[in-house]
Amino acid sequence: LFDFLAQKESLSEEEATQFIKQILEGVNYLHSRNIAHFDLKPENIMLLDKNAPLPRIKLIDFGLAHKIEAGVEFKNIFGTPEFVAPEIVNYEPLGLEADMWSIGVITYILLSGASPFLGETKQDTLGNISAINYEFDEEFFCHTSELAKKFIRQLLERDKGKRLTIQDALNHQWIKSNEHKEDSKAPETKRRGRRELKTKRLREYTIKSHSSMPPNNTYVNFERFAQVVEDIGQMEGSFATLAATHDTLQGEIDAMASLYNEKEAWYKEETEGVRHELSQIRYEFRKVEAMKRSMQDDMRAVDANLVTVGNRYRERQSRFEALRNELSDELKWVQEVVGSFPPSHPNCSFSSVFSNDVNEALKELLNRSCGGELLSGINLDFTESGQQR
């Protein structure tokens, strides 16, 4: 198709619309059957009869075509970099929307003779696509309608959900408005000057990127082949450099490994010594801790015993004081009673008998109250004291 158009002296936007519509109709046939082409580009748009005023076209090369099934995720990295969609570059799930992006690129080229994302290298091209880095250069689009630019913008949309579907594209105002429009009546010189500029750029683009080779009109991308050969040469050089670097690194790694083994052996020996010392310290520490806990327990027991003994001592002391006072009062009373008897009967033993009875009673009282502890060894001889009285 592009070879045919490049050979024309003039190309109007209306003529371009008719070819775009045919492309859309072919893609619609595929998309109605949930088949995505995935390699739409000028080389794959052929003419049925190039001698016809408005030749019919057909799509070819379905080597990358894939049927899109609901619920089945499909990812791949393929196609011609200049025409692939961002979801292919970013390895995202693919669908029919990828073909609509390619149609947008083809329309851009058809109307301007320039590629929107083509860079100096393949990486530059893919980077421009991923960043949606394109613009409508006034030099190329000064005579292009706003409807045509809007059509391209809606196809070159990053969000697949906002991108035109095939039905949206067929019903787009730019396509509909040019279906039955005839060439404008503008002056021939102005029209030819404008259109020759378009075909000149398109011819240059076609010669540069998509030259056809007779006699079978097969397109061969010599630049891509040359680039592949150059890349292979660079890769071979890189592999040789990597091999040399690998050998150097291997020697350094071996030296570092030897040094590491020596250090590891030294650290291991030092670690064993430190571990042994730590074990001894830990054992001594646990031993001291056990002794400390034992001493604390003993101290708590001694404290408890001291408190108990102190309480008992104070209790006994209090009882002793009470008994001493009571005994003192009783002795005073007994002495007073004994002293009150007249000594008229010297031979009478009443005083001694009474004193003995009182002595026994007091001892029994004291033994019952104090367990005999306070007055043990004490002999109360009230007889003598009575006689002395």
Protein backbone atom coordinates (compact mmCIF):
# COMPACT_ATOMS: atom_id res chain seq x y z
CA LEU A 1 0.00 0.00 0.00
CA PHE A 2 2.69 2.50 0.94
CA ASP A 3 4.66 1.76 -2.23
CA PHE A 4 1.53 2.50 -4.24
CA LEU A 5 0.78 5.73 -2.41
CA ALA A 6 4.42 6.88 -2.55
CA GLN A 7 4.32 6.64 -6.34
CA LYS A 8 1.31 8.97 -6.53
CA GLU A 9 1.95 12.62 -7.11
CA SER A 10 -0.75 13.64 -4.70
CA LEU A 11 -2.65 12.24 -1.77
CA SER A 12 -5.64 13.86 -0.15
CA GLU A 13 -6.89 13.25 3.36
CA GLU A 14 -10.11 11.88 1.85
CA GLU A 15 -8.17 9.25 -0.12
CA ALA A 16 -6.22 8.32 2.95
CA THR A 17 -9.50 7.91 4.83
CA GLN A 18 -10.77 5.43 2.24
CA PHE A 19 -7.69 3.24 2.66
CA ILE A 20 -7.88 3.48 6.46
CA LYS A 21 -11.52 2.42 6.28
CA GLN A 22 -10.58 -0.66 4.25
CA ILE A 23 -7.97 -1.55 6.85
CA LEU A 24 -10.60 -1.12 9.57
CA GLU A 25 -13.01 -3.36 7.72
CA GLY A 26 -10.40 -6.10 7.40
CA VAL A 27 -9.54 -5.84 11.08
CA ASN A 28 -13.25 -5.82 11.93
CA TYR A 29 -13.55 -9.21 10.21
CA LEU A 30 -10.84 -10.56 12.51
CA HIS A 31 -12.05 -8.90 15.70
CA SER A 32 -15.62 -10.10 15.15
CA ARG A 33 -14.12 -13.59 15.53
CA ASN A 34 -11.96 -12.55 18.52
CA ILE A 35 -8.76 -12.87 16.46
CA ALA A 36 -5.99 -10.32 16.93
CA HIS A 37 -3.45 -9.84 14.13
CA PHE A 38 -0.65 -8.47 16.38
CA ASP A 39 1.54 -7.49 13.40
CA LEU A 40 -0.34 -4.76 11.53
CA LYS A 41 2.15 -2.63 9.58
CA PRO A 42 2.47 -1.24 6.02
CA GLU A 43 4.34 -4.33 4.78
CA ASN A 44 1.35 -6.50 5.68
CA ILE A 45 -1.20 -4.32 3.80
CA MET A 46 -1.24 -5.46 0.16
CA LEU A 47 -3.17 -4.35 -2.96
CA LEU A 48 -5.47 -6.65 -4.94
CA ASP A 49 -5.05 -4.56 -8.10
CA LYS A 50 -2.57 -1.72 -8.10
CA ASN A 51 -3.82 -0.48 -11.49
CA ALA A 52 -7.29 0.35 -10.15
CA PRO A 53 -7.98 4.02 -9.29
CA LEU A 54 -8.95 3.02 -5.77
CA PRO A 55 -7.53 -0.49 -5.32
CA ARG A 56 -8.87 -2.86 -2.76
CA ILE A 57 -6.50 -4.02 -0.08
CA LYS A 58 -6.03 -7.19 1.91
CA LEU A 59 -4.21 -8.05 5.13
CA ILE A 60 -1.47 -10.70 5.10
CA ASP A 61 0.98 -12.46 7.42
CA PHE A 62 -1.01 -14.03 10.24
CA GLY A 63 2.01 -15.69 11.79
CA LEU A 64 1.53 -13.79 15.07
CA ALA A 65 -2.28 -13.86 15.03
CA HIS A 66 -3.91 -15.20 18.16
CA LYS A 67 -7.47 -15.93 19.19
CA ILE A 68 -8.43 -14.05 22.34
CA GLU A 69 -10.46 -16.20 24.73
CA ALA A 70 -12.45 -14.84 27.65
CA GLY A 71 -10.85 -15.54 31.01
CA VAL A 72 -7.55 -16.67 29.45
CA GLU A 73 -4.64 -14.29 29.98
CA PHE A 74 -2.29 -13.93 27.02
CA LYS A 75 1.11 -12.22 27.19
CA ASN A 76 3.92 -12.06 24.69
CA ILE A 77 6.65 -9.81 23.35
CA PHE A 78 6.53 -9.83 19.55
CA GLY A 79 5.76 -7.71 16.53
CA THR A 80 7.59 -4.87 14.82
CA PRO A 81 8.84 -2.41 17.49
CA GLU A 82 7.69 0.65 15.56
CA PHE A 83 4.05 -0.52 15.58
CA VAL A 84 3.61 -2.50 18.82
CA ALA A 85 1.32 -1.28 21.61
CA PRO A 86 2.56 -0.28 25.10
CA GLU A 87 1.05 -3.41 26.65
CA ILE A 88 3.36 -5.53 24.48
CA VAL A 89 6.40 -3.46 25.47
CA ASN A 90 5.46 -3.70 29.17
CA TYR A 91 4.58 -7.42 28.96
CA GLU A 92 0.99 -6.92 30.06
CA PRO A 93 -2.10 -8.99 29.16
CA LEU A 94 -2.91 -8.57 25.47
CA GLY A 95 -6.17 -8.27 23.57
CA LEU A 96 -7.76 -6.88 20.45
CA GLU A 97 -6.81 -3.36 21.56
CA ALA A 98 -3.19 -3.89 20.42
CA ASP A 99 -4.32 -3.92 16.76
CA MET A 100 -6.10 -0.58 17.22
CA TRP A 101 -2.84 0.99 18.44
CA SER A 102 -1.07 -0.27 15.31
CA ILE A 103 -3.81 1.28 13.12
CA GLY A 104 -3.18 4.60 14.89
CA VAL A 105 0.53 4.40 14.02
CA ILE A 106 -0.24 3.50 10.40
CA THR A 107 -2.67 6.45 10.12
CA TYR A 108 -0.07 8.83 11.60
CA ILE A 109 2.52 7.71 9.02
CA LEU A 110 0.03 7.77 6.15
CA LEU A 111 -0.94 11.39 6.85
CA SER A 112 2.55 12.74 7.61
CA GLY A 113 5.22 10.46 6.18
CA ALA A 114 6.82 10.35 9.63
CA SER A 115 6.77 7.62 12.28
CA PRO A 116 5.46 8.82 15.67
CA PHE A 117 7.70 6.68 17.91
CA LEU A 118 10.67 5.70 15.74
CA GLY A 119 13.97 6.32 17.53
CA GLU A 120 17.64 5.96 16.72
CA THR A 121 17.68 2.47 18.21
CA LYS A 122 15.16 -0.22 19.00
CA GLN A 123 15.46 0.64 22.69
CA ASP A 124 14.71 4.29 21.94
CA THR A 125 11.64 3.28 19.93
CA LEU A 126 10.31 1.02 22.68
CA GLY A 127 11.02 3.72 25.26
CA ASN A 128 9.04 6.28 23.24
CA ILE A 129 6.11 3.86 22.98
CA SER A 130 6.13 3.08 26.70
CA ALA A 131 6.22 6.81 27.51
CA ILE A 132 3.65 7.69 24.77
CA ASN A 133 6.22 10.16 23.52
CA TYR A 134 4.84 11.60 20.29
CA GLU A 135 3.48 14.91 18.99
CA PHE A 136 1.82 16.40 15.92
CA ASP A 137 4.69 18.35 14.42
CA GLU A 138 3.35 21.41 12.67
CA GLU A 139 5.74 20.77 9.79
CA PHE A 140 4.04 17.44 9.10
CA PHE A 141 0.46 18.16 10.16
CA CYS A 142 -0.08 21.77 9.16
CA HIS A 143 -2.78 20.76 6.65
CA THR A 144 -4.23 17.82 8.61
CA SER A 145 -7.74 18.22 10.01
CA GLU A 146 -8.42 18.22 13.72
CA LEU A 147 -10.76 15.27 13.26
CA ALA A 148 -7.88 13.22 11.85
CA LYS A 149 -5.65 14.19 14.79
CA LYS A 150 -8.43 13.30 17.24
CA PHE A 151 -8.81 9.92 15.51
CA ILE A 152 -5.10 9.25 15.95
CA ARG A 153 -5.10 10.44 19.59
CA GLN A 154 -7.98 8.14 20.47
CA LEU A 155 -6.12 5.19 18.96
CA LEU A 156 -2.74 6.02 20.53
CA GLU A 157 -4.25 5.87 24.02
CA ARG A 158 -2.27 4.18 26.78
CA ASP A 159 -5.40 3.03 28.63
CA LYS A 160 -6.80 0.08 26.68
CA GLY A 161 -10.26 0.77 28.08
CA LYS A 162 -10.26 4.28 26.60
CA ARG A 163 -8.76 3.25 23.26
CA LEU A 164 -11.14 3.12 20.28
CA THR A 165 -12.57 -0.30 19.47
CA ILE A 166 -12.91 -1.40 15.87
CA GLN A 167 -16.58 -0.41 15.86
CA ASP A 168 -15.77 2.97 17.42
CA ALA A 169 -13.17 3.56 14.72
CA LEU A 170 -15.54 2.60 11.87
CA ASN A 171 -18.16 4.95 13.29
CA HIS A 172 -15.71 7.76 13.99
CA GLN A 173 -16.70 11.14 12.61
CA TRP A 174 -13.48 11.41 10.59
CA ILE A 175 -14.21 8.16 8.78
CA LYS A 176 -17.90 8.93 8.33
CA SER A 177 -17.36 12.50 7.16
CA ASN A 178 -15.08 11.44 4.28
CA GLU A 179 -17.03 8.41 3.05
CA HIS A 180 -18.74 10.26 0.18
CA LYS A 181 -16.74 13.44 0.07
CA GLU A 182 -15.16 14.35 -3.26
CA ASP A 183 -11.90 16.15 -3.66
CA SER A 184 -12.10 19.78 -2.71
CA LYS A 185 -12.28 22.51 -5.40
CA ALA A 186 -9.23 24.32 -4.10
CA PRO A 187 -6.82 25.75 -6.69
CA GLU A 188 -4.73 23.00 -8.29
CA THR A 189 -1.40 24.65 -7.55
CA LYS A 190 -2.11 24.98 -3.84
CA ARG A 191 -3.56 21.48 -3.62
CA ARG A 192 -0.66 19.91 -5.48
CA GLY A 193 1.95 21.72 -3.46
CA ARG A 194 0.35 20.52 -0.26
CA ARG A 195 -0.10 16.92 -1.39
CA GLU A 196 3.26 16.57 -3.10
CA LEU A 197 4.84 17.39 0.23
CA LYS A 198 2.96 14.51 1.81
CA THR A 199 3.84 11.98 -0.88
CA LYS A 200 7.45 13.07 -0.84
CA ARG A 201 7.78 12.36 2.87
CA LEU A 202 5.85 9.13 2.49
CA ARG A 203 8.13 8.09 -0.37
CA GLU A 204 11.20 8.80 1.74
CA TYR A 205 9.76 6.82 4.63
CA THR A 206 8.88 3.92 2.33
CA ILE A 207 12.33 3.79 0.75
CA LYS A 208 14.00 4.00 4.13
CA SER A 209 11.92 1.54 6.14
CA HIS A 210 9.82 -0.62 3.83
CA SER A 211 11.47 -0.94 0.39
CA SER A 212 9.85 -3.61 -1.80
CA MET A 213 12.08 -6.05 -3.68
CA PRO A 214 11.04 -7.20 -7.21
CA PRO A 215 9.93 -9.48 -8.71
CA ASN A 216 7.78 -10.90 -5.90
CA ASN A 217 7.21 -7.60 -4.05
CA THR A 218 8.41 -9.15 -0.77
CA TYR A 219 9.41 -6.64 1.92
CA VAL A 220 12.75 -7.16 3.58
CA ASN A 221 13.90 -5.00 6.47
CA PHE A 222 17.59 -4.63 5.66
CA GLU A 223 18.14 -2.23 8.53
CA ARG A 224 16.82 -4.74 10.99
CA PHE A 225 18.98 -7.52 9.52
CA ALA A 226 22.07 -5.32 9.59
CA GLN A 227 21.24 -4.29 13.13
CA VAL A 228 20.90 -7.94 14.14
CA VAL A 229 24.29 -8.74 12.58
CA GLU A 230 25.82 -5.77 14.36
CA ASP A 231 24.19 -6.79 17.63
CA ILE A 232 25.54 -10.31 17.23
CA GLY A 233 29.05 -8.95 16.64
CA GLN A 234 28.74 -6.73 19.69
CA MET A 235 27.45 -9.65 21.73
CA GLU A 236 30.39 -11.81 20.65
CA GLY A 237 32.79 -9.06 21.66
CA SER A 238 30.91 -8.68 24.92
CA PHE A 239 31.13 -12.42 25.54
CA ALA A 240 34.90 -12.36 24.99
CA THR A 241 35.22 -9.44 27.36
CA LEU A 242 33.01 -11.21 29.86
CA ALA A 243 35.14 -14.37 29.59
CA ALA A 244 38.32 -12.39 30.30
CA THR A 245 36.63 -10.56 33.13
CA HIS A 246 35.35 -13.87 34.44
CA ASP A 247 38.87 -15.31 34.55
CA THR A 248 40.18 -12.23 36.34
CA LEU A 249 37.33 -12.29 38.79
CA GLN A 250 37.79 -16.01 39.35
CA GLY A 251 41.43 -15.47 40.33
CA GLU A 252 40.43 -12.68 42.70
CA ILE A 253 37.66 -14.81 44.12
CA ASP A 254 40.08 -17.69 44.72
CA ALA A 255 42.52 -15.36 46.49
CA MET A 256 39.71 -13.93 48.60
CA ALA A 257 38.46 -17.43 49.36
CA SER A 258 41.92 -18.49 50.55
CA LEU A 259 42.21 -15.39 52.72
CA TYR A 260 38.73 -15.98 54.02
CA ASN A 261 39.55 -19.60 54.95
CA GLU A 262 42.63 -18.48 56.89
CA LYS A 263 40.69 -15.80 58.71
CA GLU A 264 37.88 -18.23 59.36
CA ALA A 265 40.27 -20.78 60.92
CA TRP A 266 41.84 -18.07 63.13
CA TYR A 267 38.45 -16.72 64.17
CA LYS A 268 37.24 -20.24 64.86
CA GLU A 269 40.20 -20.92 67.15
CA GLU A 270 39.75 -17.62 68.94
CA THR A 271 36.05 -18.22 69.20
CA GLU A 272 36.57 -21.64 70.78
CA GLY A 273 38.87 -20.12 73.42
CA VAL A 274 36.46 -17.31 74.14
CA ARG A 275 33.57 -19.76 74.25
CA HIS A 276 35.42 -21.91 76.79
CA GLU A 277 36.18 -18.89 78.97
CA LEU A 278 32.63 -17.74 78.72
CA SER A 279 31.45 -21.19 79.76
CA GLN A 280 33.72 -21.05 82.85
CA ILE A 281 32.52 -17.56 83.70
CA ARG A 282 28.94 -18.63 83.18
CA TYR A 283 29.45 -21.65 85.44
CA GLU A 284 31.05 -19.55 88.17
CA PHE A 285 28.33 -16.98 87.82
CA ARG A 286 25.61 -19.59 88.19
CA LYS A 287 27.46 -21.02 91.18
CA VAL A 288 27.70 -17.60 92.83
CA GLU A 289 24.05 -16.94 92.02
CA ALA A 290 23.07 -20.23 93.68
CA MET A 291 25.13 -19.40 96.76
CA LYS A 292 23.62 -15.95 96.82
CA ARG A 293 20.10 -17.36 96.66
CA SER A 294 20.96 -19.90 99.40
CA MET A 295 22.37 -17.18 101.64
CA GLN A 296 19.36 -15.02 101.01
CA ASP A 297 17.09 -17.90 101.94
CA ASP A 298 19.14 -18.55 105.10
CA MET A 299 19.06 -14.87 105.99
CA ARG A 300 15.33 -14.77 105.52
CA ALA A 301 15.00 -17.90 107.71
CA VAL A 302 17.28 -16.38 110.39
CA ASP A 303 15.32 -13.13 110.23
CA ALA A 304 12.08 -15.05 110.64
CA ASN A 305 13.55 -17.04 113.58
CA LEU A 306 14.86 -13.86 115.18
CA VAL A 307 11.48 -12.27 114.88
CA THR A 308 9.86 -15.36 116.41
CA VAL A 309 12.43 -15.56 119.26
CA GLY A 310 12.07 -11.85 119.87
CA ASN A 311 8.31 -12.15 120.05
CA ARG A 312 8.56 -15.13 122.39
CA TYR A 313 11.15 -13.34 124.52
CA ARG A 314 8.99 -10.29 124.85
CA GLU A 315 6.00 -12.48 125.66
CA ARG A 316 7.90 -14.43 128.34
CA GLN A 317 9.37 -11.24 129.73
CA SER A 318 5.90 -9.73 130.00
CA ARG A 319 4.59 -12.85 131.73
CA PHE A 320 7.63 -12.90 134.02
CA GLU A 321 7.06 -9.32 135.06
CA ALA A 322 3.39 -10.03 135.73
CA LEU A 323 4.16 -13.14 137.79
CA ARG A 324 6.93 -11.39 139.69
CA ASN A 325 4.60 -8.62 140.64
CA GLU A 326 1.89 -11.10 141.54
CA LEU A 327 4.33 -13.21 143.58
CA SER A 328 5.67 -10.18 145.34
CA ASP A 329 2.16 -9.17 146.33
CA GLU A 330 1.34 -12.69 147.52
CA LEU A 331 4.52 -12.97 149.57
CA LYS A 332 3.81 -9.70 151.23
CA TRP A 333 0.34 -10.86 152.08
CA VAL A 334 1.59 -14.21 153.42
CA GLN A 335 4.22 -12.51 155.50
CA GLU A 336 1.62 -10.23 156.94
CA VAL A 337 -0.67 -13.15 157.77
CA VAL A 338 2.11 -15.19 159.36
CA GLY A 339 3.34 -12.21 161.35
CA SER A 340 -0.11 -11.67 162.77
CA PHE A 341 -0.12 -15.04 164.68
CA PRO A 342 0.87 -14.62 168.49
CA PRO A 343 3.95 -16.52 169.64
CA SER A 344 2.07 -17.84 172.70
CA HIS A 345 2.70 -21.46 171.90
CA PRO A 346 6.36 -21.96 171.28
CA ASN A 347 5.92 -25.63 170.72
CA CYS A 348 3.10 -25.21 168.31
CA SER A 349 3.98 -26.08 164.71
CA PHE A 350 1.10 -24.21 163.07
CA SER A 351 3.37 -21.52 161.70
CA SER A 352 5.74 -23.98 160.13
CA VAL A 353 2.97 -26.15 158.82
CA PHE A 354 1.20 -23.17 157.35
CA SER A 355 4.44 -21.90 155.82
CA ASN A 356 5.11 -25.25 154.25
CA ASP A 357 1.62 -25.41 152.79
CA VAL A 358 1.99 -21.91 151.40
CA ASN A 359 5.40 -22.78 149.97
CA GLU A 360 4.05 -25.82 148.15
CA ALA A 361 1.07 -23.89 146.80
CA LEU A 362 3.30 -21.12 145.49
CA LYS A 363 5.65 -23.60 143.81
CA GLU A 364 2.72 -25.37 142.17
CA LEU A 365 1.36 -22.03 140.96
CA LEU A 366 4.68 -20.96 139.55
CA ASN A 367 5.33 -24.32 137.91
CA ARG A 368 1.91 -24.27 136.27
CA SER A 369 2.39 -20.71 134.97
CA CYS A 370 6.08 -20.74 133.99
CA GLY A 371 6.92 -24.41 133.71
CA GLY A 372 9.28 -24.18 136.66
CA GLU A 373 11.75 -22.13 134.68
CA LEU A 374 11.64 -18.96 136.73
CA LEU A 375 11.90 -20.47 140.20
CA SER A 376 13.94 -23.59 139.54
CA GLY A 377 16.44 -24.04 142.32
CA ILE A 378 14.62 -21.54 144.55
CA ASN A 379 13.62 -22.92 147.95
CA LEU A 380 11.15 -20.78 149.82
CA ASP A 381 11.56 -21.56 153.54
CA PHE A 382 8.75 -19.69 155.13
CA THR A 383 9.24 -21.55 158.40
CA GLU A 384 12.54 -19.92 159.10
CA SER A 385 11.31 -16.54 158.02
CA GLY A 386 8.29 -17.01 160.28
CA GLN A 387 10.41 -17.98 163.22
CA GLN A 388 12.62 -15.02 162.61
CA ARG A 389 9.54 -12.86 162.61
